[in-house]
């Protein structure tokens, strides 16, 4: 007779039960009883048990007082908690999310930060967050967390007509006009930022309906404090006006915006023209002064000192005087910014066939290096679509996000072969970011 493996969880109520309440039972029968989970329901659990149960490891488990087995017995083998811990560490995250429903002790174990960290160390997984607008969607979803195969790990619902403006440090910034909310994907906590202006900007309150607002969220590396820079932008017939405000997220419900001095030039607030890297907010400067007329000139705001730094000449204008430089004339629609592995990158899309990635190597000296030149092969009608690099993988491949009119896609570019392969489509997303935590931390978080 063929032997089947069955698994069950004993949810004892005794207080001293960490070892006994989280047990795996191996039975020689395929019949499910009580809390038993058929191995077929979670195939990975079956494989992990067989992998764990090599002769040397089985002998070690059988030698323990809590692990006992008698040949021919129908009672099976009760594994101690540390053995179960090791077996569960071998499972992929999608199986662990299902096993949380077995019983409360298993749910507690699989939600424990130490277990999550240990599992993430063995199963590193890249997750992408695609943000969108709730208005065109009937399901109310405002962002999806997915892996590179396109499998959605978590969906987050929005309220009313709101949209995602940015995704950074596992936070999603959501806007409804001048109002902003920050969603912590790991915990599900929501921080509603005040809508009121600072005292020094109160005189503009009656005109705020005419302002377009953007917010940049970041963390001060030296202290770990989170801050938000808000920019209010108003265009009129005679001039452009911008107001700058900062708020510190310290857990207090009384946090208020603080007014800040403007930079020498106003900044551009378009999508993909703003990025936060290591506590510094980068913008493309607007073309308003003759000496700073380069389209790729960059303004930067330090969230720690809450001051503007010296403006930075971009990579393209820095090479205008170089001999045989082919890109002396370029448009603002050709430039975007990105944070790649903790480095500021200016992305120059050349027509519909090439993407140059310029990495900032030294801010003080203004040194840029073109580390990658990627063939993107866009069609002529897609020439104005955005191609955003997200990450350089450990093997050197680059994850790219292509944004079209109504949907986007993730592609993996291999610099060695100069070939891009489609990873998955990203429905109705117009901004993307990375989730650096474990998928297990999402399961009981945002929804």
Protein backbone atom coordinates (compact mmCIF):
# COMPACT_ATOMS: atom_id res chain seq x y z
CA UNK A 1 0.00 0.00 0.00
CA UNK A 2 1.30 3.41 -0.93
CA UNK A 3 2.22 5.62 2.01
CA UNK A 4 0.92 9.18 2.12
CA UNK A 5 2.17 12.07 4.19
CA UNK A 6 -0.34 14.00 6.23
CA UNK A 7 0.34 17.09 8.33
CA UNK A 8 -1.56 18.49 11.24
CA UNK A 9 -1.19 21.27 13.77
CA UNK A 10 -1.85 20.65 17.43
CA UNK A 11 -3.29 23.83 18.89
CA UNK A 12 -3.00 23.05 22.56
CA UNK A 13 -4.18 25.62 25.05
CA UNK A 14 -1.57 24.87 27.73
CA UNK A 15 0.66 27.76 28.64
CA UNK A 16 3.99 26.00 28.22
CA UNK A 17 3.33 25.02 24.69
CA UNK A 18 5.74 26.68 22.28
CA UNK A 19 7.37 23.34 21.53
CA UNK A 20 4.21 21.22 21.70
CA UNK A 21 1.67 23.63 20.23
CA UNK A 22 3.62 24.06 17.00
CA UNK A 23 4.09 20.48 15.91
CA UNK A 24 4.07 18.70 12.64
CA UNK A 25 2.75 15.15 12.60
CA UNK A 26 3.84 12.64 9.99
CA UNK A 27 1.26 9.88 9.62
CA UNK A 28 1.42 6.83 7.35
CA UNK A 29 -2.18 7.31 6.28
CA UNK A 30 -3.60 9.63 3.69
CA UNK A 31 -6.82 10.15 5.61
CA UNK A 32 -7.37 13.69 6.93
CA UNK A 33 -8.60 14.02 10.49
CA UNK A 34 -9.31 17.07 12.63
CA UNK A 35 -6.77 19.82 11.96
CA UNK A 36 -4.74 17.72 9.55
CA UNK A 37 -3.68 19.36 6.28
CA UNK A 38 -3.27 17.04 3.30
CA UNK A 39 0.18 17.37 1.81
CA UNK A 40 -1.39 17.79 -1.60
CA UNK A 41 -2.98 21.04 -0.43
CA UNK A 42 0.44 22.60 0.13
CA UNK A 43 2.90 20.68 -2.09
CA UNK A 44 5.84 22.74 -0.88
CA UNK A 45 5.30 21.52 2.68
CA UNK A 46 5.57 17.91 1.52
CA UNK A 47 8.80 18.63 -0.36
CA UNK A 48 10.26 20.61 2.52
CA UNK A 49 9.56 17.80 4.96
CA UNK A 50 11.21 15.25 2.68
CA UNK A 51 14.18 17.58 2.21
CA UNK A 52 14.48 18.10 5.95
CA UNK A 53 13.98 14.43 6.74
CA UNK A 54 17.33 13.16 5.50
CA UNK A 55 18.61 10.20 7.53
CA UNK A 56 21.03 12.22 9.64
CA UNK A 57 18.43 14.86 10.45
CA UNK A 58 15.71 12.26 11.09
CA UNK A 59 17.93 10.41 13.55
CA UNK A 60 18.60 13.69 15.33
CA UNK A 61 14.88 14.44 15.57
CA UNK A 62 13.97 10.91 16.69
CA UNK A 63 16.56 11.10 19.46
CA UNK A 64 14.77 14.02 21.09
CA UNK A 65 12.20 13.25 23.81
CA UNK A 66 9.46 15.15 21.98
CA UNK A 67 9.98 13.33 18.68
CA UNK A 68 8.92 9.68 18.87
CA UNK A 69 8.04 7.03 16.32
CA UNK A 70 7.21 3.34 16.47
CA UNK A 71 7.33 1.24 13.29
CA UNK A 72 3.84 0.25 12.22
CA UNK A 73 2.25 2.77 14.53
CA UNK A 74 -0.59 4.94 13.28
CA UNK A 75 0.29 7.73 15.69
CA UNK A 76 3.03 9.12 13.47
CA UNK A 77 5.91 11.41 14.41
CA UNK A 78 5.53 14.63 16.38
CA UNK A 79 8.23 17.11 15.42
CA UNK A 80 9.48 19.67 17.95
CA UNK A 81 9.09 23.37 17.33
CA UNK A 82 12.67 23.95 16.20
CA UNK A 83 12.33 21.23 13.56
CA UNK A 84 9.07 22.73 12.33
CA UNK A 85 10.76 26.14 12.23
CA UNK A 86 13.50 24.77 9.95
CA UNK A 87 11.00 23.04 7.68
CA UNK A 88 8.86 26.16 7.28
CA UNK A 89 11.96 28.20 6.45
CA UNK A 90 12.38 26.04 3.34
CA UNK A 91 8.94 26.83 1.93
CA UNK A 92 8.24 29.56 -0.64
CA UNK A 93 6.33 32.55 0.64
CA UNK A 94 3.12 31.76 -1.25
CA UNK A 95 2.79 28.48 0.70
CA UNK A 96 3.54 30.18 4.02
CA UNK A 97 0.78 32.71 3.46
CA UNK A 98 -1.68 29.83 3.08
CA UNK A 99 -0.34 28.03 6.16
CA UNK A 100 -1.13 31.02 8.35
CA UNK A 101 -4.72 29.82 8.33
CA UNK A 102 -3.85 26.48 9.96
CA UNK A 103 -4.03 27.70 13.55
CA UNK A 104 -3.14 30.61 15.78
CA UNK A 105 0.33 29.36 16.83
CA UNK A 106 1.36 28.92 13.20
CA UNK A 107 0.00 32.34 12.34
CA UNK A 108 2.02 33.84 15.20
CA UNK A 109 5.17 32.04 14.07
CA UNK A 110 4.80 33.07 10.42
CA UNK A 111 4.13 36.69 11.45
CA UNK A 112 7.10 36.88 13.81
CA UNK A 113 9.65 39.51 12.63
CA UNK A 114 12.58 37.18 13.39
CA UNK A 115 11.08 34.38 11.30
CA UNK A 116 10.26 36.82 8.48
CA UNK A 117 13.84 38.13 8.48
CA UNK A 118 15.29 34.61 8.48
CA UNK A 119 12.98 33.53 5.65
CA UNK A 120 13.80 36.64 3.59
CA UNK A 121 17.50 35.82 3.94
CA UNK A 122 16.90 32.41 2.36
CA UNK A 123 14.30 33.49 -0.19
CA UNK A 124 15.12 37.00 -1.46
CA UNK A 125 12.31 38.16 -3.70
CA UNK A 126 11.95 41.33 -5.73
CA UNK A 127 8.54 42.95 -5.40
CA UNK A 128 7.32 45.85 -7.51
CA UNK A 129 4.58 48.27 -6.45
CA UNK A 130 2.45 49.65 -9.26
CA UNK A 131 0.45 52.76 -8.37
CA UNK A 132 -2.49 54.14 -10.31
CA UNK A 133 -5.58 56.34 -10.18
CA UNK A 134 -8.79 54.98 -8.66
CA UNK A 135 -10.95 56.95 -11.09
CA UNK A 136 -10.64 54.66 -14.14
CA UNK A 137 -10.80 51.45 -12.07
CA UNK A 138 -14.07 49.87 -11.04
CA UNK A 139 -12.50 47.79 -8.27
CA UNK A 140 -11.15 50.77 -6.30
CA UNK A 141 -7.60 49.37 -6.31
CA UNK A 142 -5.00 52.11 -6.04
CA UNK A 143 -1.84 49.97 -6.08
CA UNK A 144 -0.74 46.36 -6.51
CA UNK A 145 2.31 44.67 -5.01
CA UNK A 146 3.54 41.98 -7.40
CA UNK A 147 6.52 39.82 -8.19
CA UNK A 148 8.30 39.75 -11.53
CA UNK A 149 6.02 36.99 -12.80
CA UNK A 150 3.04 39.33 -12.45
CA UNK A 151 1.53 37.48 -9.49
CA UNK A 152 -0.19 40.04 -7.27
CA UNK A 153 0.85 39.54 -3.64
CA UNK A 154 -1.25 42.38 -2.23
CA UNK A 155 -3.76 44.90 -3.53
CA UNK A 156 -4.50 48.17 -1.77
CA UNK A 157 -7.86 49.88 -2.12
CA UNK A 158 -8.21 53.64 -2.25
CA UNK A 159 -11.08 55.97 -1.46
CA UNK A 160 -12.83 58.49 -3.68
CA UNK A 161 -10.85 59.88 -6.62
CA UNK A 162 -7.21 59.69 -5.55
CA UNK A 163 -3.97 58.67 -7.16
CA UNK A 164 -0.47 57.50 -6.28
CA UNK A 165 2.19 60.17 -6.73
CA UNK A 166 5.26 58.23 -5.59
CA UNK A 167 6.48 55.02 -3.96
CA UNK A 168 9.55 55.15 -1.73
CA UNK A 169 10.95 53.26 1.29
CA UNK A 170 7.92 50.91 1.33
CA UNK A 171 5.57 53.90 1.64
CA UNK A 172 2.97 54.90 -0.94
CA UNK A 173 2.20 58.60 -1.25
CA UNK A 174 -1.46 59.12 -2.20
CA UNK A 175 -2.92 62.46 -3.28
CA UNK A 176 -6.32 64.04 -3.72
CA UNK A 177 -5.37 67.48 -4.94
CA UNK A 178 -3.58 69.33 -2.15
CA UNK A 179 -4.18 66.60 0.42
CA UNK A 180 -1.66 63.79 0.87
CA UNK A 181 -1.70 60.48 2.73
CA UNK A 182 1.23 58.14 3.36
CA UNK A 183 0.51 54.41 3.47
CA UNK A 184 3.02 52.09 5.15
CA UNK A 185 2.79 48.90 3.12
CA UNK A 186 4.46 46.84 5.84
CA UNK A 187 2.08 47.80 8.66
CA UNK A 188 -0.98 49.21 6.91
CA UNK A 189 -0.68 52.42 8.95
CA UNK A 190 -1.89 55.59 7.22
CA UNK A 191 -0.54 59.06 7.95
CA UNK A 192 -2.81 61.89 6.82
CA UNK A 193 -0.70 65.01 6.26
CA UNK A 194 -2.19 68.38 7.25
CA UNK A 195 -3.77 70.34 4.44
CA UNK A 196 -3.34 73.81 5.98
CA UNK A 197 -0.52 76.10 4.92
CA UNK A 198 2.14 77.43 7.27
CA UNK A 199 1.68 80.79 8.99
CA UNK A 200 4.07 82.55 6.64
CA UNK A 201 2.13 81.21 3.65
CA UNK A 202 -1.33 81.85 5.12
CA UNK A 203 -1.77 84.93 2.92
CA UNK A 204 -1.96 82.58 -0.07
CA UNK A 205 -4.74 80.49 1.47
CA UNK A 206 -7.49 82.04 -0.62
CA UNK A 207 -5.57 81.14 -3.80
CA UNK A 208 -4.67 77.58 -2.87
CA UNK A 209 -7.33 76.15 -5.14
CA UNK A 210 -5.19 77.45 -8.01
CA UNK A 211 -2.07 75.69 -6.76
CA UNK A 212 -0.81 72.34 -7.98
CA UNK A 213 0.85 70.42 -5.14
CA UNK A 214 3.52 67.72 -5.08
CA UNK A 215 5.07 65.96 -2.10
CA UNK A 216 8.43 64.19 -1.78
CA UNK A 217 8.85 61.69 1.06
CA UNK A 218 12.23 60.59 2.43
CA UNK A 219 14.26 59.52 5.44
CA UNK A 220 17.22 61.28 7.05
CA UNK A 221 20.01 58.63 7.00
CA UNK A 222 21.77 59.85 10.16
CA UNK A 223 18.68 59.86 12.39
CA UNK A 224 16.12 57.63 10.65
CA UNK A 225 13.54 60.44 10.88
CA UNK A 226 10.95 60.62 8.08
CA UNK A 227 10.17 63.98 6.49
CA UNK A 228 8.05 65.27 3.63
CA UNK A 229 8.79 68.24 1.36
CA UNK A 230 5.66 69.79 -0.14
CA UNK A 231 5.81 72.11 -3.15
CA UNK A 232 2.83 74.28 -4.09
CA UNK A 233 3.06 75.52 -7.65
CA UNK A 234 0.91 78.22 -9.25
CA UNK A 235 1.15 79.35 -12.84
CA UNK A 236 -0.24 82.73 -13.83
CA UNK A 237 -0.01 84.91 -16.90
CA UNK A 238 2.87 87.00 -15.61
CA UNK A 239 4.95 84.71 -13.40
CA UNK A 240 5.36 81.31 -11.76
CA UNK A 241 5.14 81.07 -7.98
CA UNK A 242 6.14 78.19 -5.76
CA UNK A 243 5.85 77.66 -2.00
CA UNK A 244 8.00 75.14 -0.13
CA UNK A 245 7.09 73.46 3.17
CA UNK A 246 8.52 70.62 5.28
CA UNK A 247 6.90 68.39 7.89
CA UNK A 248 8.50 65.86 10.25
CA UNK A 249 6.66 62.60 10.85
CA UNK A 250 7.22 61.95 14.54
CA UNK A 251 4.00 60.14 15.37
CA UNK A 252 2.37 63.27 16.73
CA UNK A 253 -1.07 64.30 15.55
CA UNK A 254 -0.01 67.94 16.01
CA UNK A 255 2.79 67.95 13.43
CA UNK A 256 2.64 71.04 11.22
CA UNK A 257 4.23 72.24 8.01
CA UNK A 258 7.21 74.61 8.25
CA UNK A 259 7.86 77.16 5.53
CA UNK A 260 11.23 77.07 3.73
CA UNK A 261 13.09 79.51 1.52
CA UNK A 262 12.76 78.87 -2.20
CA UNK A 263 15.72 77.84 -4.39
CA UNK A 264 17.21 80.32 -6.90
CA UNK A 265 15.13 78.71 -9.67
CA UNK A 266 11.71 77.15 -9.54
CA UNK A 267 11.59 73.39 -10.01
CA UNK A 268 9.72 71.08 -12.36
CA UNK A 269 6.98 68.97 -10.81
CA UNK A 270 6.23 66.52 -13.61
CA UNK A 271 6.00 62.78 -13.07
CA UNK A 272 9.40 61.03 -13.19
CA UNK A 273 11.16 64.42 -12.77
CA UNK A 274 11.46 64.13 -8.95
CA UNK A 275 13.34 61.51 -6.95
CA UNK A 276 14.54 61.07 -3.36
CA UNK A 277 17.92 59.39 -2.79
CA UNK A 278 19.48 58.99 0.67
CA UNK A 279 17.51 61.85 2.20
CA UNK A 280 18.09 64.29 -0.70
CA UNK A 281 15.19 65.42 -2.90
CA UNK A 282 16.24 66.04 -6.52
CA UNK A 283 14.34 68.13 -9.08
CA UNK A 284 15.03 69.37 -12.57
CA UNK A 285 15.26 73.17 -12.41
CA UNK A 286 12.99 75.30 -14.54
CA UNK A 287 14.60 77.37 -17.28
CA UNK A 288 14.26 80.88 -15.85
CA UNK A 289 17.78 82.33 -15.68
CA UNK A 290 20.30 82.64 -18.47
CA UNK A 291 23.21 81.23 -16.47
CA UNK A 292 21.11 78.26 -15.36
CA UNK A 293 19.37 77.65 -18.67
CA UNK A 294 20.50 74.03 -19.11
CA UNK A 295 17.46 71.78 -19.27
CA UNK A 296 19.14 69.10 -17.19
CA UNK A 297 20.29 71.41 -14.37
CA UNK A 298 19.32 69.88 -11.03
CA UNK A 299 18.16 71.45 -7.77
CA UNK A 300 18.41 69.42 -4.56
CA UNK A 301 16.93 69.81 -1.08
CA UNK A 302 18.57 68.22 1.97
CA UNK A 303 15.89 66.82 4.30
CA UNK A 304 18.33 66.75 7.24
CA UNK A 305 19.43 70.42 7.12
CA UNK A 306 16.17 71.50 5.43
CA UNK A 307 18.17 73.69 3.08
CA UNK A 308 18.74 73.85 -0.65
CA UNK A 309 22.14 72.74 -1.88
CA UNK A 310 24.11 74.30 -4.73
CA UNK A 311 22.58 73.59 -8.13
CA UNK A 312 24.14 70.78 -10.12
CA UNK A 313 24.89 70.75 -13.82
CA UNK A 314 23.38 67.70 -15.49
CA UNK A 315 25.30 65.11 -17.51
CA UNK A 316 24.24 66.26 -20.98
CA UNK A 317 24.95 69.97 -20.59
CA UNK A 318 28.26 69.08 -18.93
CA UNK A 319 29.38 67.50 -22.21
CA UNK A 320 28.13 70.16 -24.61
CA UNK A 321 31.66 71.44 -25.19
CA UNK A 322 33.08 67.96 -25.70
CA UNK A 323 34.25 67.22 -29.26
CA UNK A 324 31.92 65.09 -31.37
CA UNK A 325 29.19 65.20 -28.70
CA UNK A 326 26.03 64.29 -30.68
CA UNK A 327 23.35 65.49 -28.24
CA UNK A 328 23.84 69.25 -28.08
CA UNK A 329 20.10 69.80 -28.44
CA UNK A 330 17.65 67.79 -26.37
CA UNK A 331 14.15 68.28 -25.00
CA UNK A 332 12.80 68.03 -21.49
CA UNK A 333 10.55 65.16 -22.55
CA UNK A 334 13.70 63.11 -23.16
CA UNK A 335 14.85 63.32 -19.51
CA UNK A 336 13.70 61.53 -16.38
CA UNK A 337 15.23 60.74 -12.98
CA UNK A 338 15.53 57.50 -11.07
CA UNK A 339 16.99 56.02 -7.90
CA UNK A 340 18.95 52.92 -8.81
CA UNK A 341 20.54 51.01 -5.95
CA UNK A 342 20.91 54.20 -3.90
CA UNK A 343 22.38 56.34 -6.68
CA UNK A 344 20.86 59.28 -8.57
CA UNK A 345 20.45 58.42 -12.25
CA UNK A 346 19.48 60.78 -15.06
CA UNK A 347 17.81 58.86 -17.87
CA UNK A 348 18.17 60.22 -21.41
CA UNK A 349 15.87 58.61 -23.95
CA UNK A 350 17.18 59.15 -27.47
CA UNK A 351 14.22 59.03 -29.85
CA UNK A 352 12.66 55.57 -29.83
CA UNK A 353 15.72 53.38 -29.88
CA UNK A 354 18.13 54.11 -27.05
CA UNK A 355 18.24 54.81 -23.32
CA UNK A 356 21.37 56.24 -21.70
CA UNK A 357 21.73 55.89 -17.91
CA UNK A 358 23.94 58.56 -16.31
CA UNK A 359 24.99 57.84 -12.72
CA UNK A 360 26.00 60.69 -10.40
CA UNK A 361 29.36 59.64 -8.94
CA UNK A 362 30.46 62.86 -7.18
CA UNK A 363 28.04 65.69 -6.34
CA UNK A 364 30.69 68.21 -5.26
CA UNK A 365 32.70 67.80 -8.46
CA UNK A 366 29.68 67.23 -10.68
CA UNK A 367 30.98 63.94 -12.09
CA UNK A 368 28.57 61.80 -14.11
CA UNK A 369 29.32 58.42 -15.71
CA UNK A 370 27.24 56.76 -18.40
CA UNK A 371 27.17 53.20 -17.11
CA UNK A 372 24.57 51.75 -19.46
CA UNK A 373 23.22 52.40 -22.93
CA UNK A 374 20.12 50.31 -23.50
CA UNK A 375 18.35 49.56 -26.76
CA UNK A 376 14.65 49.99 -26.01
CA UNK A 377 13.05 49.43 -29.44
CA UNK A 378 9.99 51.61 -28.99
CA UNK A 379 7.62 52.14 -31.89
CA UNK A 380 7.26 55.61 -33.38
CA UNK A 381 3.86 56.11 -31.74
CA UNK A 382 5.42 55.21 -28.35
CA UNK A 383 8.25 57.74 -28.60
CA UNK A 384 6.78 59.91 -25.83
CA UNK A 385 6.17 57.02 -23.46
CA UNK A 386 8.27 56.70 -20.31
CA UNK A 387 10.93 54.05 -19.76
CA UNK A 388 12.11 54.04 -16.15
CA UNK A 389 14.97 51.88 -14.81
CA UNK A 390 14.21 50.51 -11.35
CA UNK A 391 17.08 48.34 -10.21
CA UNK A 392 20.34 46.64 -11.15
CA UNK A 393 20.09 42.99 -10.10
CA UNK A 394 22.99 41.09 -8.53
CA UNK A 395 23.77 39.41 -11.85
CA UNK A 396 23.96 42.77 -13.65
CA UNK A 397 20.57 42.63 -15.36
CA UNK A 398 18.41 45.75 -15.19
CA UNK A 399 14.71 45.90 -14.33
CA UNK A 400 12.87 48.46 -16.49
CA UNK A 401 9.34 49.82 -16.35
CA UNK A 402 7.68 50.81 -19.63
CA UNK A 403 4.67 53.10 -19.24
CA UNK A 404 2.21 53.35 -22.14
CA UNK A 405 -1.10 55.12 -22.61
CA UNK A 406 -3.25 52.79 -20.51
CA UNK A 407 -0.90 50.14 -19.12
CA UNK A 408 2.73 49.43 -18.45
CA UNK A 409 5.08 46.49 -18.47
CA UNK A 410 8.16 45.25 -16.64
CA UNK A 411 11.13 44.13 -18.70
CA UNK A 412 14.51 42.66 -17.81
CA UNK A 413 17.49 43.94 -19.80
CA UNK A 414 20.69 41.90 -20.03
CA UNK A 415 23.71 44.14 -20.80
CA UNK A 416 25.80 41.12 -21.82
CA UNK A 417 23.44 40.05 -24.59
CA UNK A 418 21.85 43.47 -25.19
CA UNK A 419 18.43 41.80 -25.10
CA UNK A 420 15.31 42.79 -23.17
CA UNK A 421 12.73 40.20 -22.16
CA UNK A 422 9.17 40.88 -21.04
CA UNK A 423 8.54 40.02 -17.39
CA UNK A 424 4.89 40.98 -16.95
CA UNK A 425 2.27 43.57 -17.77
CA UNK A 426 1.32 46.15 -15.14
CA UNK A 427 -2.32 47.08 -15.65
CA UNK A 428 -3.25 50.77 -15.44
CA UNK A 429 -0.15 51.82 -13.49
CA UNK A 430 1.58 55.12 -14.09
CA UNK A 431 4.09 55.11 -11.25
CA UNK A 432 6.13 52.26 -9.84
CA UNK A 433 8.53 51.58 -7.01
CA UNK A 434 10.12 48.71 -5.13
CA UNK A 435 8.98 46.97 -1.98
CA UNK A 436 12.09 45.89 -0.09
CA UNK A 437 10.38 43.96 2.70
CA UNK A 438 9.24 40.35 2.78
CA UNK A 439 5.86 39.43 1.28
CA UNK A 440 5.06 37.88 4.67
CA UNK A 441 5.04 41.35 6.21
CA UNK A 442 2.34 42.39 3.73
CA UNK A 443 -0.13 39.66 4.55
CA UNK A 444 -1.43 41.29 7.72
CA UNK A 445 -0.77 44.83 6.53
CA UNK A 446 -2.34 47.09 3.95
CA UNK A 447 -5.53 45.98 2.29
